[in-house]
C-alpha atoms as a PDB file:
ATOM      1  CA  MET A   1      -0.182  -0.385   0.168  1.00  0.00           C
ATOM      2  CA  THR A   2       1.086   3.575  -0.567  1.00  0.00           C
ATOM      3  CA  PHE A   3       0.381   6.809   0.846  1.00  0.00           C
ATOM      4  CA  VAL A   4      -0.963   9.468  -1.298  1.00  0.00           C
ATOM      5  CA  ASP A   5       0.201  12.923  -0.233  1.00  0.00           C
ATOM      6  CA  THR A   6      -0.963  16.564  -1.472  1.00  0.00           C
ATOM      7  CA  ASN A   7       2.288  17.217  -3.847  1.00  0.00           C
ATOM      8  CA  TYR A   8       1.703  14.455  -5.380  1.00  0.00           C
ATOM      9  CA  PHE A   9      -2.040  14.682  -6.547  1.00  0.00           C
ATOM     10  CA  LEU A  10      -1.197  18.884  -6.960  1.00  0.00           C
ATOM     11  CA  ARG A  11       1.464  17.966  -9.475  1.00  0.00           C
ATOM     12  CA  PHE A  12      -0.114  15.953 -11.256  1.00  0.00           C
ATOM     13  CA  LEU A  13      -3.342  17.791 -11.331  1.00  0.00           C
ATOM     14  CA  LEU A  14      -1.470  21.268 -12.083  1.00  0.00           C
ATOM     15  CA  LYS A  15       0.791  19.886 -15.000  1.00  0.00           C
ATOM     16  CA  ASP A  16       3.819  22.235 -13.359  1.00  0.00           C
ATOM     17  CA  ASN A  17       6.288  20.079 -13.142  1.00  0.00           C
ATOM     18  CA  ASN A  18       6.631  17.627 -15.413  1.00  0.00           C
ATOM     19  CA  SER A  19       8.764  15.642 -14.155  1.00  0.00           C
ATOM     20  CA  GLN A  20       7.157  15.146 -11.074  1.00  0.00           C
ATOM     21  CA  HIS A  21       4.038  15.123 -13.058  1.00  0.00           C
ATOM     22  CA  LEU A  22       5.187  12.601 -15.215  1.00  0.00           C
ATOM     23  CA  VAL A  23       6.455  10.878 -12.145  1.00  0.00           C
ATOM     24  CA  ALA A  24       2.501  10.821 -10.781  1.00  0.00           C
ATOM     25  CA  LYS A  25       1.057   9.623 -13.360  1.00  0.00           C
ATOM     26  CA  LYS A  26       3.184   6.480 -13.407  1.00  0.00           C
ATOM     27  CA  LEU A  27       2.083   6.019  -9.514  1.00  0.00           C
ATOM     28  CA  PHE A  28      -1.327   6.752 -10.165  1.00  0.00           C
ATOM     29  CA  LEU A  29      -1.596   4.877 -13.906  1.00  0.00           C
ATOM     30  CA  SER A  30      -0.284   1.681 -11.585  1.00  0.00           C
ATOM     31  CA  ALA A  31      -2.578   2.370  -9.485  1.00  0.00           C
ATOM     32  CA  ALA A  32      -5.704   1.885 -11.937  1.00  0.00           C
ATOM     33  CA  LYS A  33      -4.327  -0.940 -13.824  1.00  0.00           C
ATOM     34  CA  GLY A  34      -5.000  -2.665  -9.926  1.00  0.00           C
ATOM     35  CA  GLU A  35      -1.356  -3.352  -9.902  1.00  0.00           C
ATOM     36  CA  ILE A  36      -0.626  -1.542  -6.440  1.00  0.00           C
ATOM     37  CA  ASP A  37      -2.477   0.364  -3.714  1.00  0.00           C
ATOM     38  CA  VAL A  38      -2.795   3.919  -2.957  1.00  0.00           C
ATOM     39  CA  THR A  39      -4.463   5.339  -0.300  1.00  0.00           C
ATOM     40  CA  THR A  40      -4.998   8.761   0.994  1.00  0.00           C
ATOM     41  CA  SER A  41      -6.144  10.940   3.330  1.00  0.00           C
ATOM     42  CA  ILE A  42      -9.359  13.280   3.706  1.00  0.00           C
ATOM     43  CA  ILE A  43      -6.836  16.009   5.216  1.00  0.00           C
ATOM     44  CA  VAL A  44      -4.873  14.717   2.093  1.00  0.00           C
ATOM     45  CA  PHE A  45      -8.176  16.382   0.196  1.00  0.00           C
ATOM     46  CA  PHE A  46      -8.305  19.698   2.202  1.00  0.00           C
ATOM     47  CA  GLU A  47      -5.174  20.341   1.295  1.00  0.00           C
ATOM     48  CA  ILE A  48      -5.142  20.171  -2.019  1.00  0.00           C
ATOM     49  CA  TYR A  49      -8.664  22.243  -1.987  1.00  0.00           C
ATOM     50  CA  TRP A  50      -6.659  24.865   0.197  1.00  0.00           C
ATOM     51  CA  VAL A  51      -3.708  24.697  -1.864  1.00  0.00           C
ATOM     52  CA  LEU A  52      -6.042  25.301  -5.174  1.00  0.00           C
ATOM     53  CA  LYS A  53      -8.266  27.746  -3.495  1.00  0.00           C
ATOM     54  CA  SER A  54      -5.817  30.158  -2.018  1.00  0.00           C
ATOM     55  CA  TYR A  55      -2.116  29.577  -3.738  1.00  0.00           C
ATOM     56  CA  TYR A  56      -3.503  28.990  -7.099  1.00  0.00           C
ATOM     57  CA  GLU A  57      -6.927  31.204  -6.266  1.00  0.00           C
ATOM     58  CA  LYS A  58      -9.168  28.691  -7.714  1.00  0.00           C
ATOM     59  CA  ASN A  59     -12.879  30.286  -8.113  1.00  0.00           C
ATOM     60  CA  LYS A  60     -15.663  27.720  -7.248  1.00  0.00           C
ATOM     61  CA  ASP A  61     -16.550  26.322 -10.231  1.00  0.00           C
ATOM     62  CA  GLU A  62     -12.156  25.230 -10.567  1.00  0.00           C
ATOM     63  CA  LEU A  63     -12.071  24.133  -7.199  1.00  0.00           C
ATOM     64  CA  ASN A  64     -15.291  21.548  -7.733  1.00  0.00           C
ATOM     65  CA  LYS A  65     -14.437  20.187 -11.349  1.00  0.00           C
ATOM     66  CA  THR A  66     -10.654  19.703  -9.893  1.00  0.00           C
ATOM     67  CA  LEU A  67     -11.636  17.648  -6.958  1.00  0.00           C
ATOM     68  CA  ASN A  68     -14.158  15.448  -8.100  1.00  0.00           C
ATOM     69  CA  LYS A  69     -12.237  14.579 -10.156  1.00  0.00           C
ATOM     70  CA  ILE A  70     -10.529  13.593  -7.306  1.00  0.00           C
ATOM     71  CA  LEU A  71     -13.086  11.681  -6.119  1.00  0.00           C
ATOM     72  CA  ASN A  72     -14.016  10.464  -9.153  1.00  0.00           C
ATOM     73  CA  LEU A  73      -9.857   8.163  -8.315  1.00  0.00           C
ATOM     74  CA  THR A  74     -12.367   5.686  -7.169  1.00  0.00           C
ATOM     75  CA  PHE A  75      -8.459   3.709  -7.379  1.00  0.00           C
ATOM     76  CA  ILE A  76      -7.275   5.621  -4.518  1.00  0.00           C
ATOM     77  CA  LYS A  77      -8.899   4.063  -1.425  1.00  0.00           C
ATOM     78  CA  LEU A  78     -10.310   7.435   0.764  1.00  0.00           C
ATOM     79  CA  ALA A  79     -12.542   7.108   3.709  1.00  0.00           C
ATOM     80  CA  GLU A  80     -15.507   8.784   3.957  1.00  0.00           C
ATOM     81  CA  ARG A  81     -16.089   9.634   0.018  1.00  0.00           C
ATOM     82  CA  GLU A  82     -19.365   9.794  -0.079  1.00  0.00           C
ATOM     83  CA  ILE A  83     -19.515  12.378   1.944  1.00  0.00           C
ATOM     84  CA  LEU A  84     -17.238  14.700   0.515  1.00  0.00           C
ATOM     85  CA  THR A  85     -18.585  13.571  -3.088  1.00  0.00           C
ATOM     86  CA  LYS A  86     -22.284  15.666  -0.592  1.00  0.00           C
ATOM     87  CA  SER A  87     -20.065  17.591   0.405  1.00  0.00           C
ATOM     88  CA  LEU A  88     -18.827  19.218  -3.034  1.00  0.00           C
ATOM     89  CA  LYS A  89     -22.921  19.027  -4.153  1.00  0.00           C
ATOM     90  CA  LEU A  90     -23.629  21.334  -1.067  1.00  0.00           C
ATOM     91  CA  PHE A  91     -20.299  23.390  -2.284  1.00  0.00           C
ATOM     92  CA  LYS A  92     -21.603  23.961  -4.812  1.00  0.00           C
ATOM     93  CA  THR A  93     -25.009  25.728  -4.170  1.00  0.00           C
ATOM     94  CA  THR A  94     -24.051  27.174  -1.074  1.00  0.00           C
ATOM     95  CA  THR A  95     -21.645  30.551   0.400  1.00  0.00           C
ATOM     96  CA  LEU A  96     -20.537  27.320   2.488  1.00  0.00           C
ATOM     97  CA  SER A  97     -17.204  26.681   2.767  1.00  0.00           C
ATOM     98  CA  LEU A  98     -16.367  22.959   1.914  1.00  0.00           C
ATOM     99  CA  GLU A  99     -14.708  22.679   5.350  1.00  0.00           C
ATOM    100  CA  ASP A 100     -18.530  23.795   6.497  1.00  0.00           C
ATOM    101  CA  CYS A 101     -20.429  21.697   4.118  1.00  0.00           C
ATOM    102  CA  TYR A 102     -18.604  18.728   4.968  1.00  0.00           C
ATOM    103  CA  ASN A 103     -18.523  19.307   8.793  1.00  0.00           C
ATOM    104  CA  LEU A 104     -22.421  19.264   8.370  1.00  0.00           C
ATOM    105  CA  LEU A 105     -23.162  16.143   7.124  1.00  0.00           C
ATOM    106  CA  LEU A 106     -20.880  14.848   9.000  1.00  0.00           C
ATOM    107  CA  ALA A 107     -23.160  15.889  11.675  1.00  0.00           C
ATOM    108  CA  LYS A 108     -26.004  14.709   9.384  1.00  0.00           C
ATOM    109  CA  GLU A 109     -25.060  11.504   8.565  1.00  0.00           C
ATOM    110  CA  ILE A 110     -23.593  10.846  12.445  1.00  0.00           C
ATOM    111  CA  ALA A 111     -27.271  11.903  13.581  1.00  0.00           C
ATOM    112  CA  THR A 112     -26.254  14.897  15.538  1.00  0.00           C
ATOM    113  CA  ASP A 113     -28.649  16.825  17.704  1.00  0.00           C
ATOM    114  CA  ASP A 114     -27.436  19.690  17.540  1.00  0.00           C
ATOM    115  CA  PHE A 115     -24.760  21.820  16.128  1.00  0.00           C
ATOM    116  CA  ALA A 116     -22.857  23.796  17.956  1.00  0.00           C
ATOM    117  CA  SER A 117     -20.940  26.702  16.070  1.00  0.00           C
ATOM    118  CA  PHE A 118     -21.511  30.983  16.856  1.00  0.00           C
ATOM    119  CA  ASP A 119     -21.681  31.085  12.590  1.00  0.00           C
ATOM    120  CA  GLU A 120     -25.645  31.658  12.036  1.00  0.00           C
ATOM    121  CA  LYS A 121     -26.095  29.904   8.530  1.00  0.00           C
ATOM    122  CA  LEU A 122     -24.057  27.240   9.051  1.00  0.00           C
ATOM    123  CA  LYS A 123     -26.894  27.299  12.476  1.00  0.00           C
ATOM    124  CA  LYS A 124     -29.112  27.581   9.891  1.00  0.00           C
ATOM    125  CA  HIS A 125     -28.623  24.801   6.683  1.00  0.00           C
ATOM    126  CA  PHE A 126     -27.763  22.633   9.418  1.00  0.00           C
ATOM    127  CA  LYS A 127     -31.685  22.937  11.221  1.00  0.00           C
ATOM    128  CA  SER A 128     -32.711  23.137   7.758  1.00  0.00           C
ATOM    129  CA  SER A 129     -31.202  19.905   6.656  1.00  0.00           C
ATOM    130  CA  LYS A 130     -32.859  17.630  10.125  1.00  0.00           C
ATOM    131  CA  ARG A 131     -36.182  19.627   9.355  1.00  0.00           C
ATOM    132  CA  LYS A 132     -35.869  17.928   5.660  1.00  0.00           C
ATOM    133  CA  LEU A 133     -34.866  14.045   7.037  1.00  0.00           C
END
């Protein structure tokens, strides 16, 4: 099993360093063929989001498209892929940050009774999602 860090994804997606892009591409192709097993973490997923948003200044549509590409690489083991996918859908249609969307959907998934936050917009989304259950 090989753990894939943030920089491998970024070099693969951005193609801004050709030699590193080719190394990352080779790893992902091997994994896609079933030659090796690869995994990554939710933290890596969010690091990709933060780097693309802050350093590369990608807009919401670009972020959504790129992050969905990662989630569609189903040969990569990633915990909570379903919640992350739902989070991206919510992120696309609201003014909430991706982190807030994830936390909101995780709270819903684990059936919390309340959402303790000083962010009134987030609490409002939590209450409205509870009514839809």
